[in-house]
């Protein structure tokens, strides 16, 4: 079977090489282990210079950046790819601003407006959200397919743009190298727990709700706190947080991904009650590791946790999180949540399943 050539519209390198979006677009190269797709990258000096300039000027000269983009649609940009220009791929896959170019190559755009309710909770107005829809619609109209990471997001965009309904397609984020626990491993871990190990992972502690979790733990009685231990992996890059809660706590400023996954395998409960979370790779990783998950009550995480069947969704308030912690005291509840989460991962988020979703979308884009 011949392989479909997909040009990955991301810079080969730029000034912020640890950027999550950049890393993700290079991870997807491993999707070729599961489906007949060849991912093509390009070292394009114009794109590298452009992305580096945007990052540096945004950090050091925000006024200049705002002036520079004053007359532009921030979701669109001129692409300068030799691969696009010479037609050396079958499909363009972009997770950046929509690439505008002179070519007939179809574009699969991995983009969309994130949960409006969550945005409003962060102080973003409905007028600003409607402007996001309006400006992004230029890309939706030009794309062969627009890829969105939850089914609810697909439905929301389809309702907002009924004429473009057939353009929107669902595919979760691809997480390479994920090996799920077995049901027996999950049962043994959860049923044999003499002390429940909680795990929090998030570079930005405050945005991810670490401070709220600490408050929630402090609300428990001392006998309840003795029931838990807590592992924290966080650089606290958005502000330091006191971890004093009366719970035995181990803090890691940073760990390699494989070490984090080992912690997940050992943990009984993964808890990250984010104030703002567009998706959250770690929730999916926790499901695969057989954790009972306590996550936020936003659009994406409700779907990831199967609307309460594979985890507990809470508002980012100490009282709500405290109630969630008390719920996972119950061993049977923990087991049921963890097993349901494992089944959800295998059904929807395993690398094999996600790769098939992507292949179907790439192939469908050729028919447009």
Protein backbone atom coordinates (compact mmCIF):
# COMPACT_ATOMS: atom_id res chain seq x y z
CA UNK A 1 0.00 0.00 0.00
CA UNK A 2 1.42 3.40 -0.98
CA UNK A 3 1.83 5.90 1.82
CA UNK A 4 -0.07 9.17 1.96
CA UNK A 5 2.39 12.08 2.16
CA UNK A 6 1.38 14.67 4.75
CA UNK A 7 3.35 17.90 5.02
CA UNK A 8 3.48 18.95 8.68
CA UNK A 9 3.15 22.72 8.73
CA UNK A 10 5.43 23.51 11.65
CA UNK A 11 8.93 24.91 11.87
CA UNK A 12 11.81 22.45 12.06
CA UNK A 13 13.20 24.58 14.90
CA UNK A 14 12.56 27.94 16.52
CA UNK A 15 13.63 29.97 19.52
CA UNK A 16 11.26 28.19 21.90
CA UNK A 17 11.91 24.51 21.13
CA UNK A 18 10.06 23.18 24.22
CA UNK A 19 6.76 24.74 23.14
CA UNK A 20 4.01 22.12 23.60
CA UNK A 21 2.42 22.69 20.18
CA UNK A 22 5.81 22.42 18.49
CA UNK A 23 6.64 19.20 20.36
CA UNK A 24 3.23 17.73 19.53
CA UNK A 25 3.60 18.36 15.80
CA UNK A 26 6.88 16.43 15.88
CA UNK A 27 5.40 13.59 17.97
CA UNK A 28 2.87 12.83 15.23
CA UNK A 29 5.68 11.57 13.03
CA UNK A 30 5.38 8.37 15.12
CA UNK A 31 1.82 7.91 13.80
CA UNK A 32 3.41 6.26 10.77
CA UNK A 33 4.01 3.19 12.99
CA UNK A 34 0.23 2.60 12.93
CA UNK A 35 -1.08 3.86 9.57
CA UNK A 36 0.34 4.17 6.00
CA UNK A 37 1.24 7.87 6.25
CA UNK A 38 4.61 9.53 5.64
CA UNK A 39 4.98 12.82 7.51
CA UNK A 40 7.15 15.37 5.71
CA UNK A 41 8.95 18.20 7.52
CA UNK A 42 10.96 21.10 6.17
CA UNK A 43 13.78 23.31 7.43
CA UNK A 44 12.40 26.64 6.21
CA UNK A 45 14.49 29.64 7.25
CA UNK A 46 11.68 32.13 6.61
CA UNK A 47 9.28 30.23 8.86
CA UNK A 48 11.94 29.79 11.56
CA UNK A 49 12.72 33.52 11.52
CA UNK A 50 9.01 34.43 11.55
CA UNK A 51 8.12 32.16 14.50
CA UNK A 52 11.20 33.23 16.45
CA UNK A 53 10.41 36.90 15.84
CA UNK A 54 6.80 36.44 16.99
CA UNK A 55 7.95 34.74 20.19
CA UNK A 56 10.73 37.20 21.07
CA UNK A 57 8.71 40.31 20.21
CA UNK A 58 5.71 38.98 22.11
CA UNK A 59 7.84 38.57 25.22
CA UNK A 60 9.99 41.68 24.95
CA UNK A 61 8.02 44.11 22.78
CA UNK A 62 4.28 43.38 23.12
CA UNK A 63 3.27 46.81 21.82
CA UNK A 64 5.32 46.31 18.66
CA UNK A 65 3.76 42.90 18.18
CA UNK A 66 0.23 44.27 18.61
CA UNK A 67 0.99 47.04 16.12
CA UNK A 68 2.54 44.57 13.68
CA UNK A 69 -0.63 42.42 13.69
CA UNK A 70 -3.10 45.28 13.90
CA UNK A 71 -4.30 44.87 10.31
CA UNK A 72 -3.90 41.07 10.12
CA UNK A 73 -6.12 38.17 10.95
CA UNK A 74 -4.13 36.53 13.79
CA UNK A 75 -5.35 33.08 12.64
CA UNK A 76 -4.02 33.40 9.07
CA UNK A 77 -0.53 33.70 7.64
CA UNK A 78 1.29 33.49 4.31
CA UNK A 79 3.10 30.16 3.96
CA UNK A 80 6.53 30.03 2.33
CA UNK A 81 7.00 26.29 1.97
CA UNK A 82 8.95 24.85 -0.94
CA UNK A 83 7.15 21.53 -0.36
CA UNK A 84 3.76 23.22 -0.80
CA UNK A 85 4.90 25.28 -3.77
CA UNK A 86 6.26 22.24 -5.63
CA UNK A 87 3.41 19.93 -4.63
CA UNK A 88 5.72 17.44 -2.88
CA UNK A 89 3.01 16.22 -0.51
CA UNK A 90 -0.63 15.10 -0.79
CA UNK A 91 -2.03 16.98 2.23
CA UNK A 92 -0.99 19.91 4.41
CA UNK A 93 -1.56 19.41 8.16
CA UNK A 94 -1.41 22.63 10.18
CA UNK A 95 -1.74 23.29 13.90
CA UNK A 96 -0.58 26.88 13.51
CA UNK A 97 -2.22 29.88 11.87
CA UNK A 98 -3.98 28.84 8.66
CA UNK A 99 -1.38 28.67 5.86
CA UNK A 100 -2.31 30.73 2.80
CA UNK A 101 -0.53 29.69 -0.41
CA UNK A 102 -0.87 29.40 -4.19
CA UNK A 103 -1.49 25.67 -4.57
CA UNK A 104 -4.30 23.16 -4.82
CA UNK A 105 -3.04 21.04 -1.92
CA UNK A 106 -5.82 20.38 0.61
CA UNK A 107 -5.30 21.65 4.15
CA UNK A 108 -6.36 19.83 7.30
CA UNK A 109 -6.46 22.58 9.94
CA UNK A 110 -6.13 21.47 13.56
CA UNK A 111 -7.80 24.49 15.13
CA UNK A 112 -10.98 25.77 16.79
CA UNK A 113 -12.59 27.97 19.42
CA UNK A 114 -12.09 26.50 22.89
CA UNK A 115 -14.86 26.08 25.48
CA UNK A 116 -16.72 29.43 25.65
CA UNK A 117 -17.92 28.79 29.23
CA UNK A 118 -14.33 28.30 30.37
CA UNK A 119 -13.24 31.43 28.51
CA UNK A 120 -15.99 33.50 30.13
CA UNK A 121 -14.89 32.20 33.55
CA UNK A 122 -11.45 33.66 32.71
CA UNK A 123 -12.94 37.09 31.97
CA UNK A 124 -13.19 36.83 28.17
CA UNK A 125 -16.40 38.42 26.89
CA UNK A 126 -18.97 36.85 24.56
CA UNK A 127 -18.15 39.59 22.04
CA UNK A 128 -14.51 38.52 22.03
CA UNK A 129 -15.49 34.86 21.67
CA UNK A 130 -17.77 35.67 18.71
CA UNK A 131 -14.82 37.50 17.15
CA UNK A 132 -12.74 34.32 17.51
CA UNK A 133 -15.41 32.37 15.62
CA UNK A 134 -15.57 35.08 12.95
CA UNK A 135 -11.82 35.33 12.36
CA UNK A 136 -11.25 31.58 12.45
CA UNK A 137 -14.11 31.06 9.99
CA UNK A 138 -11.80 32.27 7.21
CA UNK A 139 -9.67 29.20 7.87
CA UNK A 140 -12.69 26.91 8.28
CA UNK A 141 -13.92 27.95 4.83
CA UNK A 142 -10.54 27.39 3.18
CA UNK A 143 -9.73 24.08 4.86
CA UNK A 144 -10.66 20.73 3.34
CA UNK A 145 -11.21 19.53 6.91
CA UNK A 146 -10.98 21.22 10.31
CA UNK A 147 -9.86 18.77 12.99
CA UNK A 148 -11.27 19.25 16.51
CA UNK A 149 -10.26 17.29 19.61
CA UNK A 150 -13.68 16.54 21.15
CA UNK A 151 -17.04 15.52 19.75
CA UNK A 152 -18.67 18.33 21.71
CA UNK A 153 -16.37 20.83 19.99
CA UNK A 154 -17.41 19.42 16.61
CA UNK A 155 -21.09 19.80 17.51
CA UNK A 156 -20.60 23.34 18.81
CA UNK A 157 -18.78 24.48 15.65
CA UNK A 158 -21.28 22.69 13.41
CA UNK A 159 -24.15 24.50 15.14
CA UNK A 160 -22.37 27.86 14.78
CA UNK A 161 -21.53 27.24 11.09
CA UNK A 162 -24.24 24.90 9.74
CA UNK A 163 -23.11 25.48 6.15
CA UNK A 164 -19.65 24.12 7.06
CA UNK A 165 -20.87 21.15 9.07
CA UNK A 166 -19.19 18.61 6.76
CA UNK A 167 -15.81 20.35 7.21
CA UNK A 168 -15.53 19.62 10.96
CA UNK A 169 -14.07 16.27 12.01
CA UNK A 170 -13.20 14.67 15.34
CA UNK A 171 -9.77 13.30 16.26
CA UNK A 172 -8.19 13.37 19.74
CA UNK A 173 -4.56 14.32 20.30
CA UNK A 174 -2.08 11.61 19.34
CA UNK A 175 0.06 10.40 22.25
CA UNK A 176 2.85 8.09 21.02
CA UNK A 177 4.26 5.19 22.98
CA UNK A 178 1.30 4.85 25.35
CA UNK A 179 1.07 1.33 26.79
CA UNK A 180 -2.16 0.91 28.77
CA UNK A 181 -2.33 -1.03 32.02
CA UNK A 182 -4.30 -4.26 32.03
CA UNK A 183 -7.58 -4.58 33.94
CA UNK A 184 -5.90 -7.03 36.36
CA UNK A 185 -3.09 -4.54 37.06
CA UNK A 186 -5.64 -1.83 37.79
CA UNK A 187 -7.63 -4.06 40.14
CA UNK A 188 -4.52 -5.13 42.04
CA UNK A 189 -3.30 -1.57 42.38
CA UNK A 190 -6.59 -0.10 43.55
CA UNK A 191 -7.76 -2.94 45.81
CA UNK A 192 -4.42 -3.42 47.59
CA UNK A 193 -3.95 0.25 48.48
CA UNK A 194 -3.29 0.72 52.19
CA UNK A 195 -2.75 4.44 51.53
CA UNK A 196 -4.15 6.26 48.52
CA UNK A 197 -1.44 7.93 46.43
CA UNK A 198 -2.56 11.17 44.82
CA UNK A 199 -0.64 12.60 41.87
CA UNK A 200 -0.63 16.15 40.47
CA UNK A 201 1.29 17.01 37.29
CA UNK A 202 1.43 20.48 35.78
CA UNK A 203 4.25 22.92 35.00
CA UNK A 204 2.02 25.91 35.76
CA UNK A 205 0.84 25.08 39.28
CA UNK A 206 -1.70 27.86 39.71
CA UNK A 207 -3.35 27.51 36.31
CA UNK A 208 -3.55 23.76 36.85
CA UNK A 209 -5.14 24.26 40.31
CA UNK A 210 -2.41 22.98 42.63
CA UNK A 211 -3.09 25.73 45.17
CA UNK A 212 -6.81 24.83 45.21
CA UNK A 213 -5.94 21.15 45.70
CA UNK A 214 -3.75 22.03 48.69
CA UNK A 215 -6.63 24.05 50.19
CA UNK A 216 -9.00 21.11 49.60
CA UNK A 217 -6.65 18.68 51.35
CA UNK A 218 -6.34 21.06 54.31
CA UNK A 219 -10.15 21.00 54.67
CA UNK A 220 -10.11 17.26 55.41
CA UNK A 221 -9.96 16.01 58.99
CA UNK A 222 -6.58 14.76 60.20
CA UNK A 223 -7.77 11.14 60.06
CA UNK A 224 -8.90 11.72 56.45
CA UNK A 225 -5.57 13.35 55.52
CA UNK A 226 -3.72 10.34 56.92
CA UNK A 227 -5.47 8.28 54.25
CA UNK A 228 -3.57 10.07 51.45
CA UNK A 229 -0.07 10.81 50.22
CA UNK A 230 0.60 13.34 47.45
CA UNK A 231 3.19 13.44 44.67
CA UNK A 232 3.54 16.79 42.91
CA UNK A 233 5.39 17.33 39.63
CA UNK A 234 5.37 21.07 38.97
CA UNK A 235 7.87 23.81 38.18
CA UNK A 236 5.32 26.28 39.63
CA UNK A 237 6.29 28.51 36.72
CA UNK A 238 3.35 30.87 37.30
CA UNK A 239 4.09 31.47 40.98
CA UNK A 240 5.24 29.57 44.06
CA UNK A 241 2.70 27.57 46.05
CA UNK A 242 2.95 26.38 49.65
CA UNK A 243 2.41 22.62 49.78
CA UNK A 244 1.56 22.53 53.50
CA UNK A 245 -1.75 20.69 53.86
CA UNK A 246 -1.20 18.05 56.54
CA UNK A 247 -0.72 15.39 53.84
CA UNK A 248 2.57 13.55 53.29
CA UNK A 249 3.83 15.32 50.15
CA UNK A 250 6.76 14.77 47.76
CA UNK A 251 7.55 17.58 45.31
CA UNK A 252 9.43 17.14 42.04
CA UNK A 253 10.19 20.38 40.20
CA UNK A 254 10.59 18.50 36.93
CA UNK A 255 10.80 14.92 35.69
CA UNK A 256 11.24 13.31 32.25
CA UNK A 257 7.99 12.10 30.70
CA UNK A 258 8.83 8.43 31.24
CA UNK A 259 9.35 9.08 34.97
CA UNK A 260 6.01 10.88 35.16
CA UNK A 261 4.34 7.88 33.50
CA UNK A 262 5.95 5.61 36.14
CA UNK A 263 4.45 7.80 38.88
CA UNK A 264 1.06 7.46 37.18
CA UNK A 265 1.37 3.68 37.18
CA UNK A 266 1.97 3.79 40.93
CA UNK A 267 -0.69 6.43 41.71
CA UNK A 268 -4.26 5.53 42.65
CA UNK A 269 -5.80 8.94 41.93
CA UNK A 270 -4.70 11.61 39.46
CA UNK A 271 -6.01 15.04 40.39
CA UNK A 272 -5.63 18.27 38.40
CA UNK A 273 -8.55 20.71 38.88
CA UNK A 274 -7.39 23.26 36.29
CA UNK A 275 -8.76 26.78 36.19
CA UNK A 276 -8.18 26.77 32.41
CA UNK A 277 -7.47 23.64 30.36
CA UNK A 278 -8.08 23.35 26.63
CA UNK A 279 -7.43 19.57 26.66
CA UNK A 280 -4.86 18.02 29.02
CA UNK A 281 -2.64 15.18 27.74
CA UNK A 282 -2.06 14.08 31.33
CA UNK A 283 -5.73 13.17 31.86
CA UNK A 284 -5.53 10.69 28.99
CA UNK A 285 -2.20 9.34 30.26
CA UNK A 286 -3.75 8.87 33.71
CA UNK A 287 -6.64 6.88 32.25
CA UNK A 288 -4.14 4.57 30.53
CA UNK A 289 -2.25 4.14 33.81
CA UNK A 290 -5.35 2.95 35.69
CA UNK A 291 -5.86 6.01 37.87
CA UNK A 292 -9.18 7.27 39.11
CA UNK A 293 -9.16 10.85 37.81
CA UNK A 294 -10.40 14.08 39.38
CA UNK A 295 -10.43 16.80 36.72
CA UNK A 296 -12.15 20.10 35.95
CA UNK A 297 -15.72 20.52 34.79
CA UNK A 298 -14.88 22.11 31.44
CA UNK A 299 -16.05 20.93 28.03
CA UNK A 300 -13.03 18.84 27.00
CA UNK A 301 -12.43 17.17 30.37
CA UNK A 302 -16.09 16.20 30.77
CA UNK A 303 -15.81 14.30 27.49
CA UNK A 304 -12.41 12.78 28.34
CA UNK A 305 -13.85 11.49 31.64
CA UNK A 306 -16.96 10.23 29.85
CA UNK A 307 -19.29 12.62 31.66
CA UNK A 308 -18.59 11.17 35.09
CA UNK A 309 -18.33 7.50 34.14
CA UNK A 310 -14.52 7.49 33.94
CA UNK A 311 -13.66 10.14 36.50
CA UNK A 312 -14.95 12.94 38.70
CA UNK A 313 -15.41 16.42 37.22
CA UNK A 314 -15.21 19.27 39.73
CA UNK A 315 -15.37 23.04 39.64
CA UNK A 316 -12.07 24.74 40.61
CA UNK A 317 -13.18 25.37 44.21
CA UNK A 318 -11.69 23.74 47.34
CA UNK A 319 -15.09 22.49 48.56
CA UNK A 320 -15.81 20.67 45.29
CA UNK A 321 -12.35 19.08 45.21
CA UNK A 322 -12.64 18.09 48.87
CA UNK A 323 -15.90 16.27 48.10
CA UNK A 324 -14.21 14.53 45.17
CA UNK A 325 -11.37 13.36 47.43
CA UNK A 326 -13.87 12.00 49.94
CA UNK A 327 -15.60 10.11 47.12
CA UNK A 328 -12.40 8.24 46.22
CA UNK A 329 -12.01 7.06 49.82
CA UNK A 330 -14.31 4.28 48.66
CA UNK A 331 -12.22 1.49 47.14
CA UNK A 332 -15.01 0.15 44.95
CA UNK A 333 -15.71 3.60 43.50
CA UNK A 334 -11.99 4.05 42.75
CA UNK A 335 -11.84 0.65 41.05
CA UNK A 336 -14.93 1.30 38.94
CA UNK A 337 -13.72 4.73 37.83
CA UNK A 338 -10.24 3.43 37.00
CA UNK A 339 -11.55 0.43 35.04
CA UNK A 340 -14.03 2.58 33.16
CA UNK A 341 -11.24 5.05 32.37
CA UNK A 342 -9.01 2.27 31.09
CA UNK A 343 -11.81 1.06 28.83
CA UNK A 344 -12.35 4.63 27.58
CA UNK A 345 -8.65 4.96 26.75
CA UNK A 346 -8.54 1.67 24.84
CA UNK A 347 -11.73 2.52 22.96
CA UNK A 348 -10.93 6.09 22.00
CA UNK A 349 -7.47 7.40 22.94
CA UNK A 350 -5.00 4.59 22.23
CA UNK A 351 -2.35 5.46 19.58
CA UNK A 352 -3.88 2.90 17.20
CA UNK A 353 -7.39 4.39 17.41
CA UNK A 354 -6.24 8.01 17.18
CA UNK A 355 -4.00 7.23 14.18
CA UNK A 356 -7.01 5.71 12.36
CA UNK A 357 -9.04 8.88 13.03
CA UNK A 358 -6.26 10.99 11.51
CA UNK A 359 -5.86 8.75 8.48
CA UNK A 360 -9.61 8.90 7.78
CA UNK A 361 -9.52 12.70 7.93
CA UNK A 362 -6.44 12.98 5.70
CA UNK A 363 -8.04 10.67 3.12
CA UNK A 364 -11.37 12.54 3.28
CA UNK A 365 -9.55 15.84 2.63
CA UNK A 366 -8.39 14.51 -0.75
CA UNK A 367 -11.99 14.24 -1.89
CA UNK A 368 -12.72 17.95 -1.38
